[in-house]
């Protein structure tokens, strides 16, 4: 990866965000469909390194509602 473009703590934060994303249910499928949004070098980094790492122990699925169950949010403005 291009060194020096981001300060190390900021870069580590973005790596953790991507690792959390691809480790979440549906994350790998998302990456397969939307990885093209990122540059080739970054995609290689994600696929060759980040997808192989264990997520942070505090990582939780990302999303607007709980992954564990329940119904989708309803629109109360009807």
C-alpha atoms as a PDB file:
ATOM      1  CA  UNK A   1       0.000   0.000   0.000  1.00  0.00           C
ATOM      2  CA  UNK A   2       1.037   3.591  -0.488  1.00  0.00           C
ATOM      3  CA  UNK A   3       2.914   4.514   2.652  1.00  0.00           C
ATOM      4  CA  UNK A   4       2.550   7.858   4.346  1.00  0.00           C
ATOM      5  CA  UNK A   5      -0.787   8.949   2.874  1.00  0.00           C
ATOM      6  CA  UNK A   6      -2.557   8.546   6.231  1.00  0.00           C
ATOM      7  CA  UNK A   7      -1.189   8.776   9.749  1.00  0.00           C
ATOM      8  CA  UNK A   8      -0.727   5.255  11.203  1.00  0.00           C
ATOM      9  CA  UNK A   9      -3.581   5.527  13.769  1.00  0.00           C
ATOM     10  CA  UNK A  10      -6.000   6.696  11.062  1.00  0.00           C
ATOM     11  CA  UNK A  11      -4.882   3.930   8.679  1.00  0.00           C
ATOM     12  CA  UNK A  12      -5.329   1.318  11.438  1.00  0.00           C
ATOM     13  CA  UNK A  13      -8.864   2.631  12.039  1.00  0.00           C
ATOM     14  CA  UNK A  14      -9.795   2.195   8.381  1.00  0.00           C
ATOM     15  CA  UNK A  15      -8.311  -1.300   8.333  1.00  0.00           C
ATOM     16  CA  UNK A  16     -10.462  -2.205  11.350  1.00  0.00           C
ATOM     17  CA  UNK A  17     -13.571  -0.770   9.644  1.00  0.00           C
ATOM     18  CA  UNK A  18     -12.971  -2.885   6.532  1.00  0.00           C
ATOM     19  CA  UNK A  19     -12.125  -5.980   8.589  1.00  0.00           C
ATOM     20  CA  UNK A  20     -15.362  -5.509  10.556  1.00  0.00           C
ATOM     21  CA  UNK A  21     -17.313  -5.082   7.330  1.00  0.00           C
ATOM     22  CA  UNK A  22     -16.005  -8.176   5.557  1.00  0.00           C
ATOM     23  CA  UNK A  23     -16.260 -10.334   8.711  1.00  0.00           C
ATOM     24  CA  UNK A  24     -19.930  -9.442   9.270  1.00  0.00           C
ATOM     25  CA  UNK A  25     -22.697 -11.612   7.831  1.00  0.00           C
ATOM     26  CA  UNK A  26     -22.946 -10.735   4.147  1.00  0.00           C
ATOM     27  CA  UNK A  27     -19.701  -8.744   4.236  1.00  0.00           C
ATOM     28  CA  UNK A  28     -17.789 -10.910   1.790  1.00  0.00           C
ATOM     29  CA  UNK A  29     -20.725 -10.852  -0.604  1.00  0.00           C
ATOM     30  CA  UNK A  30     -20.854  -7.063  -0.281  1.00  0.00           C
ATOM     31  CA  UNK A  31     -17.138  -6.879  -1.104  1.00  0.00           C
ATOM     32  CA  UNK A  32     -17.558  -9.143  -4.147  1.00  0.00           C
ATOM     33  CA  UNK A  33     -20.295  -6.863  -5.488  1.00  0.00           C
ATOM     34  CA  UNK A  34     -18.921  -3.471  -4.430  1.00  0.00           C
ATOM     35  CA  UNK A  35     -15.150  -3.894  -4.193  1.00  0.00           C
ATOM     36  CA  UNK A  36     -14.859  -2.224  -7.599  1.00  0.00           C
ATOM     37  CA  UNK A  37     -15.556   1.090  -5.826  1.00  0.00           C
ATOM     38  CA  UNK A  38     -11.996   1.009  -4.484  1.00  0.00           C
ATOM     39  CA  UNK A  39      -8.673   1.172  -6.261  1.00  0.00           C
ATOM     40  CA  UNK A  40      -6.989  -2.005  -7.433  1.00  0.00           C
ATOM     41  CA  UNK A  41      -4.107  -1.737  -4.944  1.00  0.00           C
ATOM     42  CA  UNK A  42      -6.505  -1.332  -2.021  1.00  0.00           C
ATOM     43  CA  UNK A  43      -8.658  -4.257  -3.225  1.00  0.00           C
ATOM     44  CA  UNK A  44      -5.553  -6.463  -3.342  1.00  0.00           C
ATOM     45  CA  UNK A  45      -4.687  -5.369   0.215  1.00  0.00           C
ATOM     46  CA  UNK A  46      -8.188  -6.148   1.480  1.00  0.00           C
ATOM     47  CA  UNK A  47      -8.415  -9.518  -0.284  1.00  0.00           C
ATOM     48  CA  UNK A  48      -4.807 -10.595   0.296  1.00  0.00           C
ATOM     49  CA  UNK A  49      -4.439  -9.421   3.898  1.00  0.00           C
ATOM     50  CA  UNK A  50      -7.429  -7.940   5.710  1.00  0.00           C
ATOM     51  CA  UNK A  51      -9.888 -10.706   4.786  1.00  0.00           C
ATOM     52  CA  UNK A  52      -7.451 -13.258   6.236  1.00  0.00           C
ATOM     53  CA  UNK A  53      -7.064 -11.540   9.624  1.00  0.00           C
ATOM     54  CA  UNK A  54      -9.153 -12.158  12.708  1.00  0.00           C
ATOM     55  CA  UNK A  55     -11.472  -9.228  13.459  1.00  0.00           C
ATOM     56  CA  UNK A  56     -10.897  -7.158  16.588  1.00  0.00           C
ATOM     57  CA  UNK A  57     -12.377  -8.951  19.631  1.00  0.00           C
ATOM     58  CA  UNK A  58     -14.826  -6.066  20.167  1.00  0.00           C
ATOM     59  CA  UNK A  59     -16.037  -6.087  16.533  1.00  0.00           C
ATOM     60  CA  UNK A  60     -19.795  -6.156  16.042  1.00  0.00           C
ATOM     61  CA  UNK A  61     -21.863  -6.371  12.847  1.00  0.00           C
ATOM     62  CA  UNK A  62     -22.520  -3.032  11.176  1.00  0.00           C
ATOM     63  CA  UNK A  63     -26.031  -2.055  10.191  1.00  0.00           C
ATOM     64  CA  UNK A  64     -29.180  -0.235  11.039  1.00  0.00           C
ATOM     65  CA  UNK A  65     -30.780  -3.109  12.949  1.00  0.00           C
ATOM     66  CA  UNK A  66     -29.723  -6.090  15.004  1.00  0.00           C
ATOM     67  CA  UNK A  67     -28.353  -9.058  13.101  1.00  0.00           C
ATOM     68  CA  UNK A  68     -29.536 -11.408  15.877  1.00  0.00           C
ATOM     69  CA  UNK A  69     -33.150 -11.420  14.878  1.00  0.00           C
ATOM     70  CA  UNK A  70     -36.354  -9.512  15.074  1.00  0.00           C
ATOM     71  CA  UNK A  71     -38.117  -7.691  12.326  1.00  0.00           C
ATOM     72  CA  UNK A  72     -36.942  -4.946  10.061  1.00  0.00           C
ATOM     73  CA  UNK A  73     -37.633  -1.377  11.182  1.00  0.00           C
ATOM     74  CA  UNK A  74     -41.065  -0.134  10.200  1.00  0.00           C
ATOM     75  CA  UNK A  75     -41.989   3.221   8.741  1.00  0.00           C
ATOM     76  CA  UNK A  76     -44.067   5.065  11.335  1.00  0.00           C
ATOM     77  CA  UNK A  77     -44.809   8.000   9.032  1.00  0.00           C
ATOM     78  CA  UNK A  78     -47.655   6.194   7.251  1.00  0.00           C
END
